[in-house]
């Protein structure tokens, strides 16, 4: 970029951004797809967290009295635990792909929705107790994500 300012020329190996309407439409569609992928990632991240919690529950995995080798074998053969970490792996790959197309400042706040899904799933699947402050926090997160998402478009 410094080269451009000093000489007034753009080097030939630098890609320029097209401002044609067709390019803007495809770019907007790519950003929407990226947001959708990140939204799916929040659900995938929540599923991963629930699976890891289930895999580590004392009724499912009891480390008491196990040798270190037996504990490691129990951990790597724990289906919910391994599935949870596999979901996190998929989450990471999908996030990398989504971040290629969208603005980090608009996509990353969507990740906060993972907390919403984890809380709701834990109420339903793990019998966690709903709490006024938890529910207020969920409402604030959803509102915050909505505000940030509407906060302006890339030009």
C-alpha atoms as a PDB file:
ATOM      1  CA  UNK A   1       0.000   0.000   0.000  1.00  0.00           C
ATOM      2  CA  UNK A   2       2.860   2.394   0.714  1.00  0.00           C
ATOM      3  CA  UNK A   3       4.012   1.808  -2.876  1.00  0.00           C
ATOM      4  CA  UNK A   4       0.637   3.046  -4.147  1.00  0.00           C
ATOM      5  CA  UNK A   5       0.833   6.286  -2.183  1.00  0.00           C
ATOM      6  CA  UNK A   6       4.425   7.056  -3.132  1.00  0.00           C
ATOM      7  CA  UNK A   7       4.160   6.344  -6.856  1.00  0.00           C
ATOM      8  CA  UNK A   8       0.453   6.667  -7.548  1.00  0.00           C
ATOM      9  CA  UNK A   9       0.502   3.241  -9.241  1.00  0.00           C
ATOM     10  CA  UNK A  10      -0.983  -0.054  -8.161  1.00  0.00           C
ATOM     11  CA  UNK A  11       1.383  -3.013  -8.454  1.00  0.00           C
ATOM     12  CA  UNK A  12       0.207  -5.620 -10.953  1.00  0.00           C
ATOM     13  CA  UNK A  13       0.101  -8.442  -8.401  1.00  0.00           C
ATOM     14  CA  UNK A  14      -2.395  -6.656  -6.137  1.00  0.00           C
ATOM     15  CA  UNK A  15      -6.025  -7.667  -6.546  1.00  0.00           C
ATOM     16  CA  UNK A  16      -8.521  -4.843  -6.773  1.00  0.00           C
ATOM     17  CA  UNK A  17     -12.080  -4.980  -5.529  1.00  0.00           C
ATOM     18  CA  UNK A  18     -14.781  -4.653  -8.143  1.00  0.00           C
ATOM     19  CA  UNK A  19     -17.552  -2.179  -7.438  1.00  0.00           C
ATOM     20  CA  UNK A  20     -19.937  -3.501 -10.063  1.00  0.00           C
ATOM     21  CA  UNK A  21     -23.513  -4.232  -8.884  1.00  0.00           C
ATOM     22  CA  UNK A  22     -23.115  -7.938  -9.693  1.00  0.00           C
ATOM     23  CA  UNK A  23     -20.000  -8.113  -7.535  1.00  0.00           C
ATOM     24  CA  UNK A  24     -21.751  -6.351  -4.641  1.00  0.00           C
ATOM     25  CA  UNK A  25     -24.718  -8.741  -4.878  1.00  0.00           C
ATOM     26  CA  UNK A  26     -22.520 -11.832  -4.799  1.00  0.00           C
ATOM     27  CA  UNK A  27     -20.491 -10.323  -1.976  1.00  0.00           C
ATOM     28  CA  UNK A  28     -23.661  -9.650   0.040  1.00  0.00           C
ATOM     29  CA  UNK A  29     -24.840 -13.207  -0.613  1.00  0.00           C
ATOM     30  CA  UNK A  30     -21.446 -14.546   0.542  1.00  0.00           C
ATOM     31  CA  UNK A  31     -21.694 -12.495   3.760  1.00  0.00           C
ATOM     32  CA  UNK A  32     -25.198 -13.836   4.392  1.00  0.00           C
ATOM     33  CA  UNK A  33     -23.970 -17.408   3.847  1.00  0.00           C
ATOM     34  CA  UNK A  34     -21.103 -16.719   6.247  1.00  0.00           C
ATOM     35  CA  UNK A  35     -23.565 -15.473   8.882  1.00  0.00           C
ATOM     36  CA  UNK A  36     -25.708 -18.573   8.383  1.00  0.00           C
ATOM     37  CA  UNK A  37     -22.654 -20.831   8.784  1.00  0.00           C
ATOM     38  CA  UNK A  38     -21.687 -19.023  11.996  1.00  0.00           C
ATOM     39  CA  UNK A  39     -25.271 -19.405  13.236  1.00  0.00           C
ATOM     40  CA  UNK A  40     -25.062 -23.149  12.605  1.00  0.00           C
ATOM     41  CA  UNK A  41     -21.690 -23.123  14.370  1.00  0.00           C
ATOM     42  CA  UNK A  42     -23.339 -21.748  17.508  1.00  0.00           C
ATOM     43  CA  UNK A  43     -25.656 -24.748  17.580  1.00  0.00           C
ATOM     44  CA  UNK A  44     -22.768 -27.113  16.864  1.00  0.00           C
ATOM     45  CA  UNK A  45     -20.745 -25.507  19.669  1.00  0.00           C
ATOM     46  CA  UNK A  46     -23.658 -25.898  22.077  1.00  0.00           C
ATOM     47  CA  UNK A  47     -24.087 -29.563  21.152  1.00  0.00           C
ATOM     48  CA  UNK A  48     -20.349 -30.045  21.677  1.00  0.00           C
ATOM     49  CA  UNK A  49     -20.513 -28.503  25.129  1.00  0.00           C
ATOM     50  CA  UNK A  50     -23.488 -30.635  26.177  1.00  0.00           C
ATOM     51  CA  UNK A  51     -21.788 -33.807  24.892  1.00  0.00           C
ATOM     52  CA  UNK A  52     -18.600 -32.974  26.788  1.00  0.00           C
ATOM     53  CA  UNK A  53     -20.611 -32.348  29.956  1.00  0.00           C
ATOM     54  CA  UNK A  54     -22.438 -35.676  29.560  1.00  0.00           C
ATOM     55  CA  UNK A  55     -19.179 -37.478  28.868  1.00  0.00           C
ATOM     56  CA  UNK A  56     -17.612 -36.114  32.026  1.00  0.00           C
ATOM     57  CA  UNK A  57     -20.553 -36.747  34.372  1.00  0.00           C
ATOM     58  CA  UNK A  58     -19.650 -39.031  37.293  1.00  0.00           C
ATOM     59  CA  UNK A  59     -22.351 -41.507  36.296  1.00  0.00           C
ATOM     60  CA  UNK A  60     -20.748 -41.796  32.881  1.00  0.00           C
ATOM     61  CA  UNK A  61     -17.058 -41.504  33.704  1.00  0.00           C
ATOM     62  CA  UNK A  62     -15.883 -42.194  37.239  1.00  0.00           C
ATOM     63  CA  UNK A  63     -12.141 -41.575  37.628  1.00  0.00           C
ATOM     64  CA  UNK A  64     -12.073 -42.842  41.229  1.00  0.00           C
ATOM     65  CA  UNK A  65      -9.658 -45.711  41.722  1.00  0.00           C
ATOM     66  CA  UNK A  66      -8.421 -45.749  38.112  1.00  0.00           C
ATOM     67  CA  UNK A  67      -4.768 -45.784  37.206  1.00  0.00           C
ATOM     68  CA  UNK A  68      -3.605 -42.962  34.910  1.00  0.00           C
ATOM     69  CA  UNK A  69      -3.476 -45.382  31.952  1.00  0.00           C
ATOM     70  CA  UNK A  70      -6.985 -46.686  32.672  1.00  0.00           C
ATOM     71  CA  UNK A  71      -8.239 -43.114  32.992  1.00  0.00           C
ATOM     72  CA  UNK A  72      -6.729 -42.110  29.634  1.00  0.00           C
ATOM     73  CA  UNK A  73      -8.247 -45.195  28.003  1.00  0.00           C
ATOM     74  CA  UNK A  74     -11.611 -44.382  29.566  1.00  0.00           C
ATOM     75  CA  UNK A  75     -11.408 -40.812  28.275  1.00  0.00           C
ATOM     76  CA  UNK A  76     -10.504 -41.729  24.688  1.00  0.00           C
ATOM     77  CA  UNK A  77     -13.222 -44.376  24.570  1.00  0.00           C
ATOM     78  CA  UNK A  78     -15.895 -42.095  26.054  1.00  0.00           C
ATOM     79  CA  UNK A  79     -18.284 -41.660  23.091  1.00  0.00           C
ATOM     80  CA  UNK A  80     -20.035 -38.446  24.221  1.00  0.00           C
ATOM     81  CA  UNK A  81     -16.718 -36.841  25.151  1.00  0.00           C
ATOM     82  CA  UNK A  82     -15.060 -37.744  21.848  1.00  0.00           C
ATOM     83  CA  UNK A  83     -18.180 -36.691  19.910  1.00  0.00           C
ATOM     84  CA  UNK A  84     -18.180 -33.354  21.735  1.00  0.00           C
ATOM     85  CA  UNK A  85     -14.591 -32.643  20.770  1.00  0.00           C
ATOM     86  CA  UNK A  86     -15.326 -33.781  17.203  1.00  0.00           C
ATOM     87  CA  UNK A  87     -18.155 -31.238  17.112  1.00  0.00           C
ATOM     88  CA  UNK A  88     -15.707 -28.571  18.263  1.00  0.00           C
ATOM     89  CA  UNK A  89     -13.395 -29.614  15.422  1.00  0.00           C
ATOM     90  CA  UNK A  90     -16.212 -29.208  12.892  1.00  0.00           C
ATOM     91  CA  UNK A  91     -17.081 -25.898  14.533  1.00  0.00           C
ATOM     92  CA  UNK A  92     -13.523 -24.665  14.006  1.00  0.00           C
ATOM     93  CA  UNK A  93     -13.384 -25.700  10.344  1.00  0.00           C
ATOM     94  CA  UNK A  94     -16.767 -24.132   9.614  1.00  0.00           C
ATOM     95  CA  UNK A  95     -15.729 -20.902  11.370  1.00  0.00           C
ATOM     96  CA  UNK A  96     -12.573 -20.659   9.279  1.00  0.00           C
ATOM     97  CA  UNK A  97     -14.638 -21.041   6.124  1.00  0.00           C
ATOM     98  CA  UNK A  98     -17.205 -18.486   7.283  1.00  0.00           C
ATOM     99  CA  UNK A  99     -14.591 -15.929   8.304  1.00  0.00           C
ATOM    100  CA  UNK A 100     -13.158 -15.977   4.781  1.00  0.00           C
ATOM    101  CA  UNK A 101     -16.340 -14.355   3.482  1.00  0.00           C
ATOM    102  CA  UNK A 102     -17.629 -12.142   6.275  1.00  0.00           C
ATOM    103  CA  UNK A 103     -16.567  -9.320   8.521  1.00  0.00           C
ATOM    104  CA  UNK A 104     -15.112 -10.523  11.808  1.00  0.00           C
ATOM    105  CA  UNK A 105     -16.753  -7.660  13.697  1.00  0.00           C
ATOM    106  CA  UNK A 106     -20.202  -8.784  12.504  1.00  0.00           C
ATOM    107  CA  UNK A 107     -19.717 -12.548  12.602  1.00  0.00           C
ATOM    108  CA  UNK A 108     -17.918 -13.008  15.889  1.00  0.00           C
ATOM    109  CA  UNK A 109     -20.678 -11.559  18.119  1.00  0.00           C
ATOM    110  CA  UNK A 110     -23.010 -14.249  16.740  1.00  0.00           C
ATOM    111  CA  UNK A 111     -20.844 -16.765  18.599  1.00  0.00           C
ATOM    112  CA  UNK A 112     -22.338 -15.366  21.824  1.00  0.00           C
ATOM    113  CA  UNK A 113     -25.525 -17.201  20.869  1.00  0.00           C
ATOM    114  CA  UNK A 114     -23.721 -20.416  21.787  1.00  0.00           C
ATOM    115  CA  UNK A 115     -24.263 -19.465  25.433  1.00  0.00           C
ATOM    116  CA  UNK A 116     -27.987 -19.104  24.732  1.00  0.00           C
ATOM    117  CA  UNK A 117     -28.239 -22.568  23.160  1.00  0.00           C
ATOM    118  CA  UNK A 118     -26.114 -24.208  25.891  1.00  0.00           C
ATOM    119  CA  UNK A 119     -28.301 -22.703  28.594  1.00  0.00           C
ATOM    120  CA  UNK A 120     -31.550 -23.723  26.903  1.00  0.00           C
ATOM    121  CA  UNK A 121     -30.260 -27.230  26.162  1.00  0.00           C
ATOM    122  CA  UNK A 122     -29.020 -27.628  29.721  1.00  0.00           C
ATOM    123  CA  UNK A 123     -32.464 -26.658  31.024  1.00  0.00           C
ATOM    124  CA  UNK A 124     -34.025 -29.305  28.791  1.00  0.00           C
ATOM    125  CA  UNK A 125     -31.467 -32.138  28.760  1.00  0.00           C
ATOM    126  CA  UNK A 126     -29.540 -31.757  32.012  1.00  0.00           C
ATOM    127  CA  UNK A 127     -32.372 -30.475  34.201  1.00  0.00           C
ATOM    128  CA  UNK A 128     -30.486 -27.301  35.091  1.00  0.00           C
ATOM    129  CA  UNK A 129     -32.611 -24.867  37.042  1.00  0.00           C
ATOM    130  CA  UNK A 130     -33.784 -21.765  35.165  1.00  0.00           C
ATOM    131  CA  UNK A 131     -32.889 -18.556  36.917  1.00  0.00           C
ATOM    132  CA  UNK A 132     -34.134 -15.000  36.407  1.00  0.00           C
ATOM    133  CA  UNK A 133     -30.616 -13.633  35.903  1.00  0.00           C
ATOM    134  CA  UNK A 134     -29.681 -16.380  33.430  1.00  0.00           C
ATOM    135  CA  UNK A 135     -32.805 -15.694  31.427  1.00  0.00           C
ATOM    136  CA  UNK A 136     -32.223 -11.927  31.539  1.00  0.00           C
ATOM    137  CA  UNK A 137     -28.668 -12.528  30.344  1.00  0.00           C
ATOM    138  CA  UNK A 138     -29.957 -14.640  27.459  1.00  0.00           C
ATOM    139  CA  UNK A 139     -32.362 -11.864  26.449  1.00  0.00           C
ATOM    140  CA  UNK A 140     -29.554  -9.287  26.585  1.00  0.00           C
ATOM    141  CA  UNK A 141     -27.254 -11.490  24.470  1.00  0.00           C
ATOM    142  CA  UNK A 142     -29.925 -12.006  21.818  1.00  0.00           C
ATOM    143  CA  UNK A 143     -30.710  -8.283  21.769  1.00  0.00           C
ATOM    144  CA  UNK A 144     -27.015  -7.403  21.598  1.00  0.00           C
ATOM    145  CA  UNK A 145     -26.366  -9.741  18.690  1.00  0.00           C
ATOM    146  CA  UNK A 146     -29.384  -8.327  16.852  1.00  0.00           C
ATOM    147  CA  UNK A 147     -28.186  -4.756  17.411  1.00  0.00           C
ATOM    148  CA  UNK A 148     -24.639  -5.533  16.286  1.00  0.00           C
ATOM    149  CA  UNK A 149     -25.892  -7.367  13.206  1.00  0.00           C
ATOM    150  CA  UNK A 150     -28.035  -4.390  12.181  1.00  0.00           C
ATOM    151  CA  UNK A 151     -25.237  -1.942  12.969  1.00  0.00           C
ATOM    152  CA  UNK A 152     -24.169  -1.221   9.420  1.00  0.00           C
ATOM    153  CA  UNK A 153     -23.164  -2.823   6.187  1.00  0.00           C
ATOM    154  CA  UNK A 154     -19.773  -3.036   4.512  1.00  0.00           C
ATOM    155  CA  UNK A 155     -19.457  -0.532   1.710  1.00  0.00           C
END
